[in-house]
């Protein structure tokens, strides 16, 4: 991927680790995300239906592109337990060119080896 402006990280919050794993696996299997990291649990405090709520949630960091964001939304909405799930894209200002290329290749179904990793792992 030569144009880093196309790279985005989508953020999705989910209510359980099981749903986090399921959604992450589906996004990668369907090639709309190159990688999904799962963080949590975390505490979310939000307003819904006129009341303040507190929930334990997990956060998915979805590595995709601007073009991949709509398919990410479609997959997440089809699998998510919430009526209105949090799904938002954050533009990537800069990235290691080799990593950005790997993300792009994964979304095209290319077989470039996995993401750059630390030596000895």
Protein backbone atom coordinates (compact mmCIF):
# COMPACT_ATOMS: atom_id res chain seq x y z
CA UNK A 1 0.00 0.00 0.00
CA UNK A 2 1.72 3.14 -1.14
CA UNK A 3 -1.00 5.51 0.03
CA UNK A 4 -1.03 5.35 3.84
CA UNK A 5 -4.08 7.62 3.88
CA UNK A 6 -6.13 4.54 2.95
CA UNK A 7 -5.15 2.67 6.13
CA UNK A 8 -7.61 2.93 9.04
CA UNK A 9 -8.09 1.33 12.42
CA UNK A 10 -11.71 0.58 13.23
CA UNK A 11 -12.67 0.47 16.89
CA UNK A 12 -15.49 -1.78 18.02
CA UNK A 13 -16.63 -2.37 21.59
CA UNK A 14 -18.35 -5.65 22.50
CA UNK A 15 -19.96 -7.02 25.68
CA UNK A 16 -18.07 -10.31 26.09
CA UNK A 17 -14.73 -11.92 25.29
CA UNK A 18 -16.59 -14.65 23.40
CA UNK A 19 -18.24 -12.12 21.09
CA UNK A 20 -14.90 -10.31 20.69
CA UNK A 21 -13.22 -13.52 19.51
CA UNK A 22 -16.10 -14.48 17.23
CA UNK A 23 -16.31 -11.09 15.53
CA UNK A 24 -12.51 -10.84 15.22
CA UNK A 25 -12.26 -14.29 13.64
CA UNK A 26 -15.05 -13.50 11.17
CA UNK A 27 -13.51 -10.18 10.13
CA UNK A 28 -10.16 -11.82 9.40
CA UNK A 29 -11.68 -14.94 7.77
CA UNK A 30 -13.80 -12.78 5.46
CA UNK A 31 -10.71 -10.72 4.55
CA UNK A 32 -12.21 -7.38 5.56
CA UNK A 33 -9.55 -7.03 8.28
CA UNK A 34 -5.90 -8.01 8.20
CA UNK A 35 -5.64 -8.23 11.98
CA UNK A 36 -7.85 -7.64 15.00
CA UNK A 37 -6.46 -7.01 18.46
CA UNK A 38 -8.66 -7.58 21.50
CA UNK A 39 -8.16 -5.36 24.56
CA UNK A 40 -9.97 -5.63 27.86
CA UNK A 41 -11.85 -5.95 29.89
CA UNK A 42 -12.50 -2.24 30.23
CA UNK A 43 -15.22 -0.21 31.89
CA UNK A 44 -17.49 1.89 29.69
CA UNK A 45 -19.78 4.56 31.08
CA UNK A 46 -22.35 5.85 28.62
CA UNK A 47 -25.83 7.31 28.25
CA UNK A 48 -28.52 5.13 26.70
CA UNK A 49 -32.28 5.76 26.69
CA UNK A 50 -31.89 8.72 29.03
CA UNK A 51 -29.95 6.82 31.70
CA UNK A 52 -26.28 6.53 32.57
CA UNK A 53 -25.01 2.95 32.33
CA UNK A 54 -21.76 1.22 33.26
CA UNK A 55 -20.67 -1.96 31.48
CA UNK A 56 -17.66 -4.22 31.22
CA UNK A 57 -16.62 -4.41 27.56
CA UNK A 58 -13.79 -5.51 25.28
CA UNK A 59 -12.34 -3.33 22.53
CA UNK A 60 -11.49 -4.62 19.07
CA UNK A 61 -8.80 -2.73 17.12
CA UNK A 62 -9.49 -3.69 13.52
CA UNK A 63 -6.74 -3.09 10.94
CA UNK A 64 -8.36 -2.33 7.59
CA UNK A 65 -8.64 0.33 4.87
CA UNK A 66 -11.14 3.06 4.07
CA UNK A 67 -12.64 0.74 1.43
CA UNK A 68 -12.77 -2.08 3.97
CA UNK A 69 -14.60 -0.03 6.60
CA UNK A 70 -18.09 -0.52 5.13
CA UNK A 71 -17.68 -4.32 4.96
CA UNK A 72 -16.32 -4.25 8.55
CA UNK A 73 -19.48 -2.40 9.63
CA UNK A 74 -21.69 -4.92 7.83
CA UNK A 75 -20.01 -7.93 9.44
CA UNK A 76 -20.00 -6.38 12.91
CA UNK A 77 -23.66 -5.33 12.70
CA UNK A 78 -24.68 -8.83 11.60
CA UNK A 79 -22.92 -10.44 14.59
CA UNK A 80 -23.13 -7.81 17.35
CA UNK A 81 -25.47 -8.04 20.36
CA UNK A 82 -26.01 -4.27 20.66
CA UNK A 83 -28.81 -2.42 18.88
CA UNK A 84 -26.32 0.37 18.01
CA UNK A 85 -22.76 -0.96 18.24
CA UNK A 86 -19.77 1.36 18.49
CA UNK A 87 -17.97 1.10 15.15
CA UNK A 88 -15.74 3.99 14.17
CA UNK A 89 -12.73 4.41 11.94
CA UNK A 90 -9.64 6.29 13.01
CA UNK A 91 -7.31 7.38 10.21
CA UNK A 92 -3.72 6.19 10.45
CA UNK A 93 -1.37 9.16 10.17
CA UNK A 94 1.72 7.04 9.54
CA UNK A 95 2.78 3.40 9.64
CA UNK A 96 5.71 1.19 8.84
CA UNK A 97 5.44 0.80 5.07
CA UNK A 98 5.97 -2.97 5.24
CA UNK A 99 3.12 -3.31 7.77
CA UNK A 100 0.77 -1.12 5.70
CA UNK A 101 1.62 -3.24 2.66
CA UNK A 102 0.86 -6.40 4.60
CA UNK A 103 -2.56 -5.03 5.64
CA UNK A 104 -3.38 -4.18 2.04
CA UNK A 105 -2.22 -7.60 0.81
CA UNK A 106 -4.39 -9.41 3.36
CA UNK A 107 -7.49 -7.58 2.24
CA UNK A 108 -6.74 -8.55 -1.35
CA UNK A 109 -6.16 -12.17 -0.35
CA UNK A 110 -2.43 -12.12 -1.12
CA UNK A 111 -0.19 -14.61 0.62
CA UNK A 112 2.54 -12.28 1.90
CA UNK A 113 3.92 -13.72 5.18
CA UNK A 114 2.43 -12.52 8.46
CA UNK A 115 2.94 -9.11 10.00
CA UNK A 116 6.43 -8.06 11.02
CA UNK A 117 7.23 -9.61 14.38
CA UNK A 118 10.02 -9.49 16.91
CA UNK A 119 13.03 -11.68 16.33
CA UNK A 120 12.93 -14.94 18.25
CA UNK A 121 9.14 -15.12 18.48
